[in-house]
Amino acid sequence: SPLYNAKLDDIAMVSEGRIGIVTEQSKSDSFTDILKRAGKDSIEVESKETKPEQSKTDAFQSWGAHFCEVKIDPLLPRVQVSRVVSVMNCGRIVSGKTARSQILGGVTMGIGMALMEETSYDPATGLPVIRNLADYHVPTNADVPEIDVEFVGEPDFKFNPIGARGMGEIGITGIAAAIANAVYHATGKRIRDLPITPD
């Protein structure tokens, strides 16, 4: 192994699926190669980490930016999102596939929030008018365009030893506003209520 005789304190996760020497990242080894050499299919470890001391000057939020393009049929007028680019900074990305899927799901929900999802209440009873998923509109395959997700940023070791930060709802935050801004750019009409409907 390239890590043979390396000190334990000098080894860390250097990229997705690889551990290596922090000061010399060219010396690294993949998780799968390590397991093959050891003759194991998997490994399980338990450890207890102490929480890093919280800084009074640093913030630990993840953030990002969403960009979208819309097409509007002037006769209907129907808004269709034709392209989305989401660029996120969430510290170290531990699992690229699941992180991307998290953002894709948030963007899809944001499209629904912007263009179709709405809860209306009956003023006489106070009950929701639409009470089932057959009548409640959510995005389907035809409503969701190509979504390009990119991650930037270095590991945030001030937050935790892995350098990762949360990305829970960050995928949906800002998508409805990006769509509304694209509608304004296309039509000159500023929409301040969701969903954005033909009327």
C-alpha atoms as a PDB file:
ATOM      1  CA  SER A   1       0.000   0.000   0.000  1.00  0.00           C
ATOM      2  CA  PRO A   2       1.201   3.552  -0.636  1.00  0.00           C
ATOM      3  CA  LEU A   3       0.301   4.195   3.008  1.00  0.00           C
ATOM      4  CA  TYR A   4       2.651   1.534   4.407  1.00  0.00           C
ATOM      5  CA  ASN A   5       4.462   2.815   7.527  1.00  0.00           C
ATOM      6  CA  ALA A   6       2.530   6.116   7.441  1.00  0.00           C
ATOM      7  CA  LYS A   7       1.615   7.599  10.827  1.00  0.00           C
ATOM      8  CA  LEU A   8      -2.057   7.297  11.744  1.00  0.00           C
ATOM      9  CA  ASP A   9      -2.344  11.041  12.421  1.00  0.00           C
ATOM     10  CA  ASP A  10      -1.091  11.804   8.882  1.00  0.00           C
ATOM     11  CA  ILE A  11      -3.831   9.744   7.154  1.00  0.00           C
ATOM     12  CA  ALA A  12      -7.200  11.237   6.191  1.00  0.00           C
ATOM     13  CA  MET A  13      -9.849  10.995   3.498  1.00  0.00           C
ATOM     14  CA  VAL A  14      -8.294  12.883   0.561  1.00  0.00           C
ATOM     15  CA  SER A  15     -11.003  12.374  -2.072  1.00  0.00           C
ATOM     16  CA  GLU A  16     -14.180  10.393  -2.608  1.00  0.00           C
ATOM     17  CA  GLY A  17     -13.425   6.746  -1.857  1.00  0.00           C
ATOM     18  CA  ARG A  18      -9.714   7.303  -1.096  1.00  0.00           C
ATOM     19  CA  ILE A  19      -7.601   7.807   1.998  1.00  0.00           C
ATOM     20  CA  GLY A  20      -4.108   9.184   1.847  1.00  0.00           C
ATOM     21  CA  ILE A  21      -1.363  11.161   3.483  1.00  0.00           C
ATOM     22  CA  VAL A  22      -2.600  14.668   4.156  1.00  0.00           C
ATOM     23  CA  THR A  23       0.712  16.387   3.366  1.00  0.00           C
ATOM     24  CA  GLU A  24       1.385  14.247   0.281  1.00  0.00           C
ATOM     25  CA  GLN A  25      -1.956  13.494  -1.363  1.00  0.00           C
ATOM     26  CA  SER A  26      -0.350  11.665  -4.306  1.00  0.00           C
ATOM     27  CA  LYS A  27       0.208   8.827  -1.821  1.00  0.00           C
ATOM     28  CA  SER A  28      -3.328   7.492  -1.473  1.00  0.00           C
ATOM     29  CA  ASP A  29      -5.213   4.205  -1.593  1.00  0.00           C
ATOM     30  CA  SER A  30      -8.797   3.365  -2.535  1.00  0.00           C
ATOM     31  CA  PHE A  31     -11.182   1.728  -0.069  1.00  0.00           C
ATOM     32  CA  THR A  32     -11.822  -1.168  -2.495  1.00  0.00           C
ATOM     33  CA  ASP A  33      -8.090  -1.923  -2.968  1.00  0.00           C
ATOM     34  CA  ILE A  34      -7.520  -1.915   0.801  1.00  0.00           C
ATOM     35  CA  LEU A  35     -10.398  -4.368   1.334  1.00  0.00           C
ATOM     36  CA  LYS A  36      -9.209  -6.654  -1.511  1.00  0.00           C
ATOM     37  CA  ARG A  37      -5.691  -6.877  -0.071  1.00  0.00           C
ATOM     38  CA  ALA A  38      -7.155  -7.663   3.347  1.00  0.00           C
ATOM     39  CA  GLY A  39      -9.409 -10.352   1.838  1.00  0.00           C
ATOM     40  CA  LYS A  40     -12.572  -8.714   3.186  1.00  0.00           C
ATOM     41  CA  ASP A  41     -15.872  -7.673   1.609  1.00  0.00           C
ATOM     42  CA  SER A  42     -16.546  -4.974   4.178  1.00  0.00           C
ATOM     43  CA  ILE A  43     -15.266  -3.483   7.401  1.00  0.00           C
ATOM     44  CA  GLU A  44     -17.120  -1.971  10.320  1.00  0.00           C
ATOM     45  CA  VAL A  45     -15.636   0.431  12.856  1.00  0.00           C
ATOM     46  CA  GLU A  46     -17.081   2.395  15.737  1.00  0.00           C
ATOM     47  CA  SER A  47     -15.460   5.531  17.073  1.00  0.00           C
ATOM     48  CA  LYS A  48     -16.360   8.481  19.202  1.00  0.00           C
ATOM     49  CA  GLU A  49     -15.369  11.955  18.110  1.00  0.00           C
ATOM     50  CA  THR A  50     -15.392  14.996  20.318  1.00  0.00           C
ATOM     51  CA  LYS A  51     -17.242  17.934  18.847  1.00  0.00           C
ATOM     52  CA  PRO A  52     -14.855  20.676  17.664  1.00  0.00           C
ATOM     53  CA  GLU A  53     -14.985  23.855  19.680  1.00  0.00           C
ATOM     54  CA  GLN A  54     -17.436  26.204  17.954  1.00  0.00           C
ATOM     55  CA  SER A  55     -15.864  29.361  16.626  1.00  0.00           C
ATOM     56  CA  LYS A  56     -17.420  32.703  17.502  1.00  0.00           C
ATOM     57  CA  THR A  57     -16.317  34.197  14.175  1.00  0.00           C
ATOM     58  CA  ASP A  58     -17.074  31.425  11.670  1.00  0.00           C
ATOM     59  CA  ALA A  59     -20.426  30.316  10.256  1.00  0.00           C
ATOM     60  CA  PHE A  60     -21.076  26.700   9.306  1.00  0.00           C
ATOM     61  CA  GLN A  61     -23.929  26.880   6.804  1.00  0.00           C
ATOM     62  CA  SER A  62     -23.921  25.303   3.398  1.00  0.00           C
ATOM     63  CA  TRP A  63     -24.908  27.554   0.511  1.00  0.00           C
ATOM     64  CA  GLY A  64     -25.409  27.522  -3.206  1.00  0.00           C
ATOM     65  CA  ALA A  65     -26.856  29.198  -6.261  1.00  0.00           C
ATOM     66  CA  HIS A  66     -29.531  28.064  -8.710  1.00  0.00           C
ATOM     67  CA  PHE A  67     -29.789  29.215 -12.323  1.00  0.00           C
ATOM     68  CA  CYS A  68     -32.698  28.340 -14.572  1.00  0.00           C
ATOM     69  CA  GLU A  69     -34.075  28.936 -18.031  1.00  0.00           C
ATOM     70  CA  VAL A  70     -37.794  28.940 -18.844  1.00  0.00           C
ATOM     71  CA  LYS A  71     -39.804  28.687 -22.039  1.00  0.00           C
ATOM     72  CA  ILE A  72     -43.180  30.388 -22.140  1.00  0.00           C
ATOM     73  CA  ASP A  73     -45.872  29.737 -24.712  1.00  0.00           C
ATOM     74  CA  PRO A  74     -47.370  33.214 -25.314  1.00  0.00           C
ATOM     75  CA  LEU A  75     -50.744  31.787 -26.387  1.00  0.00           C
ATOM     76  CA  LEU A  76     -51.445  29.610 -23.336  1.00  0.00           C
ATOM     77  CA  PRO A  77     -49.310  31.141 -21.514  1.00  0.00           C
ATOM     78  CA  ARG A  78     -47.607  28.091 -20.035  1.00  0.00           C
ATOM     79  CA  VAL A  79     -44.290  28.266 -18.185  1.00  0.00           C
ATOM     80  CA  GLN A  80     -41.950  25.343 -18.718  1.00  0.00           C
ATOM     81  CA  VAL A  81     -38.566  25.073 -17.019  1.00  0.00           C
ATOM     82  CA  SER A  82     -36.131  24.018 -19.750  1.00  0.00           C
ATOM     83  CA  ARG A  83     -32.803  23.933 -17.895  1.00  0.00           C
ATOM     84  CA  VAL A  84     -31.471  24.173 -14.338  1.00  0.00           C
ATOM     85  CA  VAL A  85     -27.909  24.547 -13.060  1.00  0.00           C
ATOM     86  CA  SER A  86     -27.331  24.226  -9.308  1.00  0.00           C
ATOM     87  CA  VAL A  87     -23.924  24.944  -7.792  1.00  0.00           C
ATOM     88  CA  MET A  88     -23.590  24.032  -4.103  1.00  0.00           C
ATOM     89  CA  ASN A  89     -20.933  24.445  -1.436  1.00  0.00           C
ATOM     90  CA  CYS A  90     -21.473  21.827   1.275  1.00  0.00           C
ATOM     91  CA  GLY A  91     -17.896  21.211   2.377  1.00  0.00           C
ATOM     92  CA  ARG A  92     -16.521  17.773   1.544  1.00  0.00           C
ATOM     93  CA  ILE A  93     -18.903  15.593  -0.463  1.00  0.00           C
ATOM     94  CA  VAL A  94     -18.652  12.122   1.049  1.00  0.00           C
ATOM     95  CA  SER A  95     -20.925  10.346  -1.459  1.00  0.00           C
ATOM     96  CA  GLY A  96     -21.212  12.084  -4.824  1.00  0.00           C
ATOM     97  CA  LYS A  97     -24.167  10.003  -6.045  1.00  0.00           C
ATOM     98  CA  THR A  98     -26.347  10.518  -2.964  1.00  0.00           C
ATOM     99  CA  ALA A  99     -25.384  14.199  -2.677  1.00  0.00           C
ATOM    100  CA  ARG A 100     -26.352  14.827  -6.312  1.00  0.00           C
ATOM    101  CA  SER A 101     -29.617  12.916  -5.819  1.00  0.00           C
ATOM    102  CA  GLN A 102     -30.429  15.064  -2.774  1.00  0.00           C
ATOM    103  CA  ILE A 103     -30.068  18.243  -4.828  1.00  0.00           C
ATOM    104  CA  LEU A 104     -31.981  16.771  -7.812  1.00  0.00           C
ATOM    105  CA  GLY A 105     -34.886  15.954  -5.493  1.00  0.00           C
ATOM    106  CA  GLY A 106     -34.874  19.450  -4.005  1.00  0.00           C
ATOM    107  CA  VAL A 107     -34.830  21.097  -7.439  1.00  0.00           C
ATOM    108  CA  THR A 108     -37.735  18.893  -8.552  1.00  0.00           C
ATOM    109  CA  MET A 109     -39.749  19.889  -5.476  1.00  0.00           C
ATOM    110  CA  GLY A 110     -38.855  23.544  -6.121  1.00  0.00           C
ATOM    111  CA  ILE A 111     -40.256  23.281  -9.662  1.00  0.00           C
ATOM    112  CA  GLY A 112     -43.492  21.937  -8.171  1.00  0.00           C
ATOM    113  CA  MET A 113     -43.545  24.743  -5.601  1.00  0.00           C
ATOM    114  CA  ALA A 114     -43.042  27.379  -8.301  1.00  0.00           C
ATOM    115  CA  LEU A 115     -45.428  26.133 -10.972  1.00  0.00           C
ATOM    116  CA  MET A 116     -48.100  23.757  -9.687  1.00  0.00           C
ATOM    117  CA  GLU A 117     -48.352  22.875  -6.005  1.00  0.00           C
ATOM    118  CA  GLU A 118     -50.973  24.801  -4.069  1.00  0.00           C
ATOM    119  CA  THR A 119     -53.199  24.212  -1.064  1.00  0.00           C
ATOM    120  CA  SER A 120     -56.538  26.043  -1.223  1.00  0.00           C
ATOM    121  CA  TYR A 121     -58.997  26.043   1.663  1.00  0.00           C
ATOM    122  CA  ASP A 122     -62.784  26.065   1.575  1.00  0.00           C
ATOM    123  CA  PRO A 123     -63.796  29.314   3.347  1.00  0.00           C
ATOM    124  CA  ALA A 124     -67.011  27.689   4.603  1.00  0.00           C
ATOM    125  CA  THR A 125     -65.415  24.657   6.254  1.00  0.00           C
ATOM    126  CA  GLY A 126     -61.734  25.566   6.597  1.00  0.00           C
ATOM    127  CA  LEU A 127     -60.821  22.208   5.042  1.00  0.00           C
ATOM    128  CA  PRO A 128     -58.423  21.775   2.131  1.00  0.00           C
ATOM    129  CA  VAL A 129     -60.264  21.749  -1.206  1.00  0.00           C
ATOM    130  CA  ILE A 130     -57.822  19.205  -2.669  1.00  0.00           C
ATOM    131  CA  ARG A 131     -57.439  16.289  -0.285  1.00  0.00           C
ATOM    132  CA  ASN A 132     -55.825  13.581  -2.405  1.00  0.00           C
ATOM    133  CA  LEU A 133     -52.806  13.077  -4.633  1.00  0.00           C
ATOM    134  CA  ALA A 134     -54.984  12.422  -7.677  1.00  0.00           C
ATOM    135  CA  ASP A 135     -55.936  16.117  -7.775  1.00  0.00           C
ATOM    136  CA  TYR A 136     -52.810  17.636  -6.209  1.00  0.00           C
ATOM    137  CA  HIS A 137     -50.376  18.478  -9.004  1.00  0.00           C
ATOM    138  CA  VAL A 138     -46.708  17.575  -8.554  1.00  0.00           C
ATOM    139  CA  PRO A 139     -43.912  17.518 -11.151  1.00  0.00           C
ATOM    140  CA  THR A 140     -43.642  14.446 -13.367  1.00  0.00           C
ATOM    141  CA  ASN A 141     -40.911  13.422 -15.819  1.00  0.00           C
ATOM    142  CA  ALA A 142     -42.276  15.782 -18.478  1.00  0.00           C
ATOM    143  CA  ASP A 143     -42.034  18.770 -16.086  1.00  0.00           C
ATOM    144  CA  VAL A 144     -38.431  18.203 -14.983  1.00  0.00           C
ATOM    145  CA  PRO A 145     -35.678  19.309 -17.404  1.00  0.00           C
ATOM    146  CA  GLU A 146     -32.004  18.449 -17.466  1.00  0.00           C
ATOM    147  CA  ILE A 147     -30.556  19.454 -14.095  1.00  0.00           C
ATOM    148  CA  ASP A 148     -26.817  20.080 -13.841  1.00  0.00           C
ATOM    149  CA  VAL A 149     -25.547  19.781 -10.255  1.00  0.00           C
ATOM    150  CA  GLU A 150     -22.025  20.876  -9.336  1.00  0.00           C
ATOM    151  CA  PHE A 151     -20.305  20.950  -5.945  1.00  0.00           C
ATOM    152  CA  VAL A 152     -17.532  23.368  -5.009  1.00  0.00           C
ATOM    153  CA  GLY A 153     -15.622  24.149  -1.856  1.00  0.00           C
ATOM    154  CA  GLU A 154     -12.937  22.658   0.307  1.00  0.00           C
ATOM    155  CA  PRO A 155     -13.524  20.410   3.315  1.00  0.00           C
ATOM    156  CA  ASP A 156     -14.665  22.418   6.350  1.00  0.00           C
ATOM    157  CA  PHE A 157     -12.540  20.940   9.141  1.00  0.00           C
ATOM    158  CA  LYS A 158     -13.625  23.692  11.536  1.00  0.00           C
ATOM    159  CA  PHE A 159     -17.091  22.116  11.498  1.00  0.00           C
ATOM    160  CA  ASN A 160     -16.197  18.433  11.919  1.00  0.00           C
ATOM    161  CA  PRO A 161     -13.254  16.042  11.361  1.00  0.00           C
ATOM    162  CA  ILE A 162     -14.603  14.814   7.992  1.00  0.00           C
ATOM    163  CA  GLY A 163     -15.058  18.354   6.646  1.00  0.00           C
ATOM    164  CA  ALA A 164     -18.643  17.767   5.459  1.00  0.00           C
ATOM    165  CA  ARG A 165     -21.604  20.073   6.064  1.00  0.00           C
ATOM    166  CA  GLY A 166     -25.313  19.340   5.745  1.00  0.00           C
ATOM    167  CA  MET A 167     -27.274  19.744   2.527  1.00  0.00           C
ATOM    168  CA  GLY A 168     -30.785  18.812   3.719  1.00  0.00           C
ATOM    169  CA  GLU A 169     -33.144  21.358   2.133  1.00  0.00           C
ATOM    170  CA  ILE A 170     -30.571  23.437   0.254  1.00  0.00           C
ATOM    171  CA  GLY A 171     -31.651  21.934  -3.077  1.00  0.00           C
ATOM    172  CA  ILE A 172     -35.145  23.455  -2.877  1.00  0.00           C
ATOM    173  CA  THR A 173     -34.141  26.799  -1.368  1.00  0.00           C
ATOM    174  CA  GLY A 174     -34.053  29.434  -4.083  1.00  0.00           C
ATOM    175  CA  ILE A 175     -35.448  27.389  -6.997  1.00  0.00           C
ATOM    176  CA  ALA A 176     -38.902  29.018  -6.933  1.00  0.00           C
ATOM    177  CA  ALA A 177     -37.253  32.461  -6.828  1.00  0.00           C
ATOM    178  CA  ALA A 178     -34.954  31.545  -9.733  1.00  0.00           C
ATOM    179  CA  ILE A 179     -37.968  30.432 -11.793  1.00  0.00           C
ATOM    180  CA  ALA A 180     -39.895  33.612 -10.904  1.00  0.00           C
ATOM    181  CA  ASN A 181     -36.871  35.709 -11.928  1.00  0.00           C
ATOM    182  CA  ALA A 182     -36.639  33.827 -15.244  1.00  0.00           C
ATOM    183  CA  VAL A 183     -40.360  34.484 -15.837  1.00  0.00           C
ATOM    184  CA  TYR A 184     -39.767  38.184 -15.138  1.00  0.00           C
ATOM    185  CA  HIS A 185     -36.815  38.198 -17.545  1.00  0.00           C
ATOM    186  CA  ALA A 186     -38.936  36.541 -20.245  1.00  0.00           C
ATOM    187  CA  THR A 187     -42.157  38.536 -19.800  1.00  0.00           C
ATOM    188  CA  GLY A 188     -41.402  41.689 -17.832  1.00  0.00           C
ATOM    189  CA  LYS A 189     -44.036  40.635 -15.283  1.00  0.00           C
ATOM    190  CA  ARG A 190     -42.928  40.295 -11.670  1.00  0.00           C
ATOM    191  CA  ILE A 191     -44.738  37.400  -9.948  1.00  0.00           C
ATOM    192  CA  ARG A 192     -44.896  37.525  -6.156  1.00  0.00           C
ATOM    193  CA  ASP A 193     -47.328  34.684  -5.412  1.00  0.00           C
ATOM    194  CA  LEU A 194     -46.834  30.963  -5.920  1.00  0.00           C
ATOM    195  CA  PRO A 195     -47.629  28.916  -7.862  1.00  0.00           C
ATOM    196  CA  ILE A 196     -47.037  30.857 -11.083  1.00  0.00           C
ATOM    197  CA  THR A 197     -50.210  30.071 -13.057  1.00  0.00           C
ATOM    198  CA  PRO A 198     -51.394  31.173 -16.528  1.00  0.00           C
ATOM    199  CA  ASP A 199     -53.725  33.810 -15.069  1.00  0.00           C
END
